[in-house]
Amino acid sequence: APAPPPGDPRLREAVAAWLGSRGIRAGADGILITAGAQQGINVLARAFLSPGDVVLTEATTFQCALVAFRWAGAEVVGIAMDHEGLQPEALEEALERYRPKLVYLIPTFHNPTGSVLGRERRRRVLELAGRYRVPVVESDLYGELFFEEPPPPRLTALDAGGLVVYMGSFSKIGVPGLRVGWLAAPAEAMGPLTVAKEFVDLHLPALTQRLAAGFIAGSHLERHLGVLRAEFRLRRDALVAALHQRCPSLSFRIPSGGYYVWAQLPASLTTAEVLPEAAEQGVVVRPGPQFTAGRGGEDHIRLCFAALEPRAIAEGIRRLGTAIETAQRRVGRTTRRPLTAASVV
């Protein structure tokens, strides 16, 4: 039999129990199953946004969230960040100025920067959300993928006011092909979210939901997370070592979890100059402008270390280093080219 629109009851119960082990108090009736996190973003946009609304995000953020919010007709405003993520003072100024419909954040192992919002900043964000009565969407796709110490508690676990909608996914920590994600939301938000989900699809495949439920409810997931953390740490270390050796002109912070390194190009270059050369070398990187809520990002690239083994990472960075050197020589011989759309996505 098909699963009901909010999701298979066994999966909703399994997700609620697992989130409870992470300090998130959500019953099964507060869980909405989605086809991965991207559908979760689309459902949120359809449920809560109207043309002319304002959404606040970090200054750089997940590119597909930007697309979803803008397609809903919303204006996206980026909030200043530093090495610890969102700056609460900048958030307060934006809340006062724009009176947004919602705030979308990736506080743990941020995509693309890898930053982790500190505990005190998390409390400050929740305090501001309560004062201005604005809901916060916490995208937590990478929070379990820590390489050293576990990160601070989720915003949702610290939320006493029922203002946070939590977004998670099995894709980044389990099996991407199952396309299983979830939203955990306060009771008053579940009605609009469920209606929006029914508009997108009436139900997800029952078989994939049952498979995910069995994996999450048993002991498999915790063992699997241990394997992922160890393997991704090895791959991060391989990327960092290769960057130091082959791309010494790149500046970056070493992430303590997640999938990504956010690297700054040397002052003479932009993504418009590097990406075509990288494509010639058979290397694909994500250009910074794709992740910016406003303008900018031309001096950054995102590197993903999760999908490749260390040997392939080393070869890819060797090729990237060649591309950067070639681009630097060309820029040195010619006048600076105007910025154009990136040719490699």
Protein backbone atom coordinates (compact mmCIF):
# COMPACT_ATOMS: atom_id res chain seq x y z
CA ALA A 1 0.00 0.00 0.00
CA PRO A 2 1.24 3.55 -0.66
CA ALA A 3 2.53 5.57 2.25
CA PRO A 4 0.45 8.56 3.39
CA PRO A 5 1.59 12.02 2.18
CA PRO A 6 3.48 12.91 5.40
CA GLY A 7 5.50 9.71 5.07
CA ASP A 8 5.56 6.08 6.14
CA PRO A 9 4.62 5.86 9.84
CA ARG A 10 7.55 3.54 10.62
CA LEU A 11 10.03 5.93 9.05
CA ARG A 12 8.53 8.93 10.83
CA GLU A 13 8.80 7.08 14.13
CA ALA A 14 12.39 6.01 13.40
CA VAL A 15 13.43 9.55 12.47
CA ALA A 16 11.73 11.01 15.54
CA ALA A 17 13.51 8.52 17.82
CA TRP A 18 16.88 9.13 16.19
CA LEU A 19 16.47 12.91 16.42
CA GLY A 20 15.51 12.44 20.06
CA SER A 21 18.90 10.81 20.66
CA ARG A 22 20.40 14.07 19.36
CA GLY A 23 18.42 16.25 21.73
CA ILE A 24 15.66 17.18 19.28
CA ARG A 25 12.22 16.72 20.79
CA ALA A 26 9.93 15.78 17.89
CA GLY A 27 7.19 13.21 17.85
CA ALA A 28 6.37 11.18 14.76
CA ASP A 29 3.45 13.52 14.04
CA GLY A 30 5.94 16.39 13.78
CA ILE A 31 8.00 14.68 11.03
CA LEU A 32 7.38 15.18 7.32
CA ILE A 33 9.26 12.83 4.99
CA THR A 34 10.63 14.39 1.79
CA ALA A 35 12.49 13.21 -1.30
CA GLY A 36 15.79 14.46 0.03
CA ALA A 37 16.65 17.89 1.41
CA GLN A 38 16.05 19.65 -1.91
CA GLN A 39 12.37 18.72 -1.88
CA GLY A 40 12.29 19.88 1.73
CA ILE A 41 13.49 23.32 0.63
CA ASN A 42 10.93 23.41 -2.18
CA VAL A 43 8.13 22.43 0.21
CA LEU A 44 9.16 25.13 2.68
CA ALA A 45 9.26 27.75 -0.06
CA ARG A 46 5.82 26.76 -1.35
CA ALA A 47 4.30 26.61 2.14
CA PHE A 48 5.61 29.86 3.57
CA LEU A 49 6.84 32.25 0.87
CA SER A 50 4.96 34.66 -1.37
CA PRO A 51 6.30 37.07 -4.01
CA GLY A 52 7.91 40.04 -2.33
CA ASP A 53 8.81 38.23 0.90
CA VAL A 54 12.37 38.43 2.23
CA VAL A 55 14.49 35.42 3.24
CA LEU A 56 17.69 35.91 5.20
CA THR A 57 20.56 33.48 4.67
CA GLU A 58 24.27 33.43 5.36
CA ALA A 59 26.17 35.58 2.85
CA THR A 60 27.20 32.36 1.10
CA THR A 61 24.88 29.38 1.18
CA PHE A 62 23.61 26.28 -0.63
CA GLN A 63 23.04 27.32 -4.23
CA CYS A 64 19.84 25.31 -4.72
CA ALA A 65 18.24 27.01 -1.72
CA LEU A 66 18.90 30.36 -3.37
CA VAL A 67 17.20 29.14 -6.53
CA ALA A 68 14.17 27.76 -4.66
CA PHE A 69 13.59 30.94 -2.66
CA ARG A 70 13.96 33.17 -5.71
CA TRP A 71 11.62 31.00 -7.78
CA ALA A 72 9.04 31.52 -5.03
CA GLY A 73 9.37 35.24 -5.68
CA ALA A 74 11.28 36.04 -2.51
CA GLU A 75 14.19 38.43 -2.17
CA VAL A 76 17.22 36.73 -0.62
CA VAL A 77 19.46 38.86 1.59
CA GLY A 78 22.82 37.54 2.73
CA ILE A 79 24.11 38.15 6.26
CA ALA A 80 27.80 38.76 6.93
CA MET A 81 29.90 35.81 8.09
CA ASP A 82 33.31 35.20 9.58
CA HIS A 83 35.28 32.07 10.45
CA GLU A 84 32.60 31.12 13.01
CA GLY A 85 29.72 31.51 10.60
CA LEU A 86 26.87 33.99 10.79
CA GLN A 87 27.52 37.22 12.69
CA PRO A 88 24.61 37.78 15.12
CA GLU A 89 25.04 41.57 15.05
CA ALA A 90 24.57 41.58 11.28
CA LEU A 91 21.56 39.29 11.65
CA GLU A 92 19.95 41.66 14.13
CA GLU A 93 20.44 44.61 11.78
CA ALA A 94 18.87 42.68 8.91
CA LEU A 95 15.92 41.51 11.01
CA GLU A 96 15.20 45.08 11.98
CA ARG A 97 15.59 46.40 8.45
CA TYR A 98 13.89 43.73 6.34
CA ARG A 99 11.38 42.02 8.67
CA PRO A 100 11.91 38.71 6.81
CA LYS A 101 9.46 35.87 6.38
CA LEU A 102 12.08 33.32 7.43
CA VAL A 103 15.78 32.77 8.11
CA TYR A 104 17.57 29.85 6.42
CA LEU A 105 20.82 28.74 8.06
CA ILE A 106 23.40 25.95 7.77
CA PRO A 107 25.00 26.30 11.21
CA THR A 108 27.04 23.08 11.27
CA PHE A 109 29.76 22.34 8.69
CA HIS A 110 28.33 25.01 6.50
CA ASN A 111 28.02 24.54 2.75
CA PRO A 112 30.25 25.88 1.23
CA THR A 113 32.53 27.40 3.88
CA GLY A 114 32.69 24.52 6.39
CA SER A 115 32.21 26.92 9.33
CA VAL A 116 30.54 25.89 12.59
CA LEU A 117 28.36 28.35 14.46
CA GLY A 118 29.45 28.46 18.10
CA ARG A 119 27.12 27.66 20.98
CA GLU A 120 26.79 31.26 22.16
CA ARG A 121 26.03 32.46 18.65
CA ARG A 122 23.38 29.76 18.36
CA ARG A 123 21.73 31.02 21.53
CA ARG A 124 21.90 34.58 20.21
CA VAL A 125 20.29 33.56 16.90
CA LEU A 126 17.42 31.92 18.78
CA GLU A 127 17.03 34.93 21.03
CA LEU A 128 16.75 37.21 17.99
CA ALA A 129 14.34 34.86 16.24
CA GLY A 130 12.11 34.93 19.32
CA ARG A 131 12.25 38.69 19.65
CA TYR A 132 11.33 39.28 16.00
CA ARG A 133 9.01 36.24 15.80
CA VAL A 134 10.62 34.91 12.64
CA PRO A 135 10.95 31.16 11.94
CA VAL A 136 14.40 29.68 11.38
CA VAL A 137 15.09 26.79 9.01
CA GLU A 138 18.07 24.75 10.25
CA SER A 139 19.61 22.75 7.41
CA ASP A 140 21.62 20.01 9.12
CA LEU A 141 22.83 17.70 6.37
CA TYR A 142 26.42 17.38 7.62
CA GLY A 143 26.19 17.70 11.40
CA GLU A 144 26.97 14.00 12.02
CA LEU A 145 30.12 14.12 9.88
CA PHE A 146 32.56 15.53 12.43
CA PHE A 147 36.23 14.60 12.39
CA GLU A 148 37.38 15.80 15.81
CA GLU A 149 35.00 16.90 18.56
CA PRO A 150 31.22 16.78 18.03
CA PRO A 151 29.74 20.18 17.13
CA PRO A 152 27.51 22.20 19.48
CA PRO A 153 23.88 21.14 19.95
CA ARG A 154 21.57 21.75 17.03
CA LEU A 155 19.62 24.98 16.97
CA THR A 156 16.50 22.83 17.11
CA ALA A 157 17.69 21.15 20.31
CA LEU A 158 18.26 24.56 21.92
CA ASP A 159 14.97 26.02 20.68
CA ALA A 160 12.46 26.55 23.48
CA GLY A 161 10.12 28.77 21.48
CA GLY A 162 9.06 26.42 18.70
CA LEU A 163 10.51 28.65 15.99
CA VAL A 164 12.93 26.25 14.28
CA VAL A 165 12.11 23.92 11.39
CA TYR A 166 14.76 21.21 11.19
CA MET A 167 15.87 19.78 7.85
CA GLY A 168 17.80 16.52 7.57
CA SER A 169 18.57 13.96 4.91
CA PHE A 170 19.61 10.35 4.58
CA SER A 171 21.45 11.21 1.36
CA LYS A 172 24.54 12.72 2.96
CA ILE A 173 24.87 10.16 5.75
CA GLY A 174 23.33 7.03 4.25
CA VAL A 175 22.30 6.10 0.74
CA PRO A 176 21.86 9.02 -1.70
CA GLY A 177 19.87 6.94 -4.17
CA LEU A 178 17.02 6.35 -1.73
CA ARG A 179 16.16 10.08 -1.79
CA VAL A 180 14.86 10.21 1.77
CA GLY A 181 14.92 13.39 3.80
CA TRP A 182 12.80 14.94 6.54
CA LEU A 183 11.49 18.10 8.08
CA ALA A 184 10.83 18.29 11.82
CA ALA A 185 8.48 21.16 12.50
CA PRO A 186 6.31 22.68 15.23
CA ALA A 187 2.70 21.50 15.18
CA GLU A 188 1.31 24.72 13.70
CA ALA A 189 3.65 24.42 10.71
CA MET A 190 2.82 20.82 9.85
CA GLY A 191 -0.51 21.65 8.18
CA PRO A 192 0.90 24.07 5.57
CA LEU A 193 3.95 21.86 5.03
CA THR A 194 1.84 18.75 4.43
CA VAL A 195 -0.42 20.58 1.97
CA ALA A 196 2.63 21.88 0.10
CA LYS A 197 4.14 18.38 0.07
CA GLU A 198 0.91 16.92 -1.38
CA PHE A 199 1.08 19.48 -4.16
CA VAL A 200 4.58 18.25 -5.10
CA ASP A 201 3.75 14.54 -4.84
CA LEU A 202 1.07 12.51 -3.09
CA HIS A 203 3.53 10.09 -1.51
CA LEU A 204 7.08 8.80 -1.75
CA PRO A 205 7.77 5.15 -2.62
CA ALA A 206 6.87 2.97 0.35
CA LEU A 207 9.72 0.51 -0.28
CA THR A 208 12.51 3.07 -0.04
CA GLN A 209 10.95 4.54 3.09
CA ARG A 210 10.79 1.13 4.76
CA LEU A 211 14.41 0.45 3.84
CA ALA A 212 15.49 3.76 5.36
CA ALA A 213 13.37 3.10 8.46
CA GLY A 214 15.04 -0.25 9.04
CA PHE A 215 18.50 1.24 8.64
CA ILE A 216 17.83 4.15 10.98
CA ALA A 217 15.93 2.20 13.65
CA GLY A 218 18.54 -0.54 13.93
CA SER A 219 22.18 -0.31 14.92
CA HIS A 220 23.36 0.06 11.31
CA LEU A 221 23.30 3.86 11.13
CA GLU A 222 25.53 4.51 14.12
CA ARG A 223 28.16 2.04 12.87
CA HIS A 224 27.91 3.51 9.40
CA LEU A 225 28.44 7.04 10.72
CA GLY A 226 31.63 5.90 12.44
CA VAL A 227 32.94 4.53 9.15
CA LEU A 228 32.01 7.72 7.30
CA ARG A 229 33.72 9.98 9.83
CA ALA A 230 36.96 8.03 9.63
CA GLU A 231 36.94 7.79 5.84
CA PHE A 232 35.99 11.42 5.23
CA ARG A 233 38.69 12.56 7.63
CA LEU A 234 41.25 10.62 5.57
CA ARG A 235 39.93 12.25 2.41
CA ARG A 236 39.96 15.71 3.96
CA ASP A 237 43.56 15.19 5.06
CA ALA A 238 44.48 14.00 1.56
CA LEU A 239 42.94 17.12 0.05
CA VAL A 240 44.66 19.44 2.52
CA ALA A 241 48.04 17.80 1.94
CA ALA A 242 47.63 17.98 -1.83
CA LEU A 243 46.60 21.64 -1.67
CA HIS A 244 49.67 22.53 0.40
CA GLN A 245 51.89 20.75 -2.07
CA ARG A 246 50.26 21.55 -5.43
CA CYS A 247 48.25 24.74 -4.84
CA PRO A 248 50.24 26.80 -2.33
CA SER A 249 48.69 30.02 -3.62
CA LEU A 250 45.21 29.01 -2.38
CA SER A 251 44.10 30.15 1.07
CA PHE A 252 41.65 28.08 3.10
CA ARG A 253 40.62 26.95 6.56
CA ILE A 254 40.75 23.25 7.35
CA PRO A 255 37.18 22.09 8.03
CA SER A 256 36.47 20.01 11.11
CA GLY A 257 33.66 18.11 9.39
CA GLY A 258 31.40 17.95 6.37
CA TYR A 259 32.25 17.60 2.70
CA TYR A 260 33.92 20.81 1.58
CA VAL A 261 36.90 23.13 1.53
CA TRP A 262 36.20 26.77 0.66
CA ALA A 263 39.37 28.07 -0.99
CA GLN A 264 40.34 31.63 -1.87
CA LEU A 265 42.17 32.21 -5.14
CA PRO A 266 45.33 34.32 -5.33
CA ALA A 267 44.67 38.04 -5.66
CA SER A 268 45.45 38.06 -9.39
CA LEU A 269 42.71 35.56 -10.32
CA THR A 270 38.96 35.07 -10.38
CA THR A 271 36.85 32.03 -11.11
CA ALA A 272 36.26 33.35 -14.65
CA GLU A 273 39.96 32.84 -15.35
CA VAL A 274 40.53 29.60 -13.44
CA LEU A 275 37.49 27.51 -14.36
CA PRO A 276 38.15 27.30 -18.11
CA GLU A 277 41.72 26.23 -17.42
CA ALA A 278 40.50 23.67 -14.89
CA ALA A 279 38.08 22.29 -17.46
CA GLU A 280 40.96 21.89 -19.89
CA GLN A 281 42.68 19.79 -17.22
CA GLY A 282 39.55 17.70 -16.63
CA VAL A 283 38.80 19.17 -13.20
CA VAL A 284 35.42 20.51 -12.09
CA VAL A 285 35.13 22.87 -9.14
CA ARG A 286 32.21 25.01 -8.00
CA PRO A 287 32.67 28.76 -8.52
CA GLY A 288 32.04 31.06 -5.58
CA PRO A 289 29.37 33.24 -7.22
CA GLN A 290 26.96 30.29 -7.32
CA PHE A 291 26.80 30.37 -3.53
CA THR A 292 26.43 34.09 -2.88
CA ALA A 293 23.12 35.56 -1.82
CA GLY A 294 24.17 38.89 -3.32
CA ARG A 295 27.16 39.82 -5.43
CA GLY A 296 30.69 38.54 -5.01
CA GLY A 297 32.38 35.20 -4.57
CA GLU A 298 34.52 35.57 -7.71
CA ASP A 299 37.65 34.95 -5.64
CA HIS A 300 36.53 31.61 -4.14
CA ILE A 301 36.02 28.03 -5.26
CA ARG A 302 34.43 25.09 -3.45
CA LEU A 303 36.27 21.77 -3.38
CA CYS A 304 34.45 18.56 -2.41
CA PHE A 305 36.53 15.73 -0.95
CA ALA A 306 33.72 13.31 -0.05
CA ALA A 307 33.25 11.39 -3.30
CA LEU A 308 36.86 10.59 -4.27
CA GLU A 309 39.52 8.31 -2.86
CA PRO A 310 42.81 9.93 -1.74
CA ARG A 311 44.68 8.96 -4.91
CA ALA A 312 42.05 10.58 -7.11
CA ILE A 313 42.01 13.65 -4.86
CA ALA A 314 45.77 14.05 -5.23
CA GLU A 315 45.54 13.78 -9.01
CA GLY A 316 42.68 16.25 -9.17
CA ILE A 317 44.56 18.81 -7.10
CA ARG A 318 47.68 18.31 -9.23
CA ARG A 319 45.59 19.20 -12.27
CA LEU A 320 44.01 22.14 -10.47
CA GLY A 321 47.45 23.43 -9.60
CA THR A 322 48.43 23.29 -13.27
CA ALA A 323 45.26 25.17 -14.17
CA ILE A 324 45.95 27.91 -11.62
CA GLU A 325 49.54 28.30 -12.82
CA THR A 326 48.37 28.55 -16.44
CA ALA A 327 45.72 31.12 -15.52
CA GLN A 328 48.28 33.18 -13.62
CA ARG A 329 50.62 33.22 -16.62
CA ARG A 330 47.80 34.29 -18.94
CA VAL A 331 46.62 37.05 -16.62
CA GLY A 332 50.22 38.25 -16.38
CA ARG A 333 50.43 38.53 -20.18
CA THR A 334 47.07 40.18 -20.85
CA THR A 335 44.78 42.75 -19.38
CA ARG A 336 42.23 41.47 -16.93
CA ARG A 337 39.25 39.86 -18.70
CA PRO A 338 35.79 41.08 -17.64
CA LEU A 339 33.85 38.68 -15.45
CA THR A 340 31.67 36.26 -17.38
CA ALA A 341 29.39 33.42 -16.44
CA ALA A 342 31.34 30.38 -15.27
CA SER A 343 31.67 27.77 -17.99
CA VAL A 344 32.05 24.85 -15.58
CA VAL A 345 29.27 24.02 -13.15
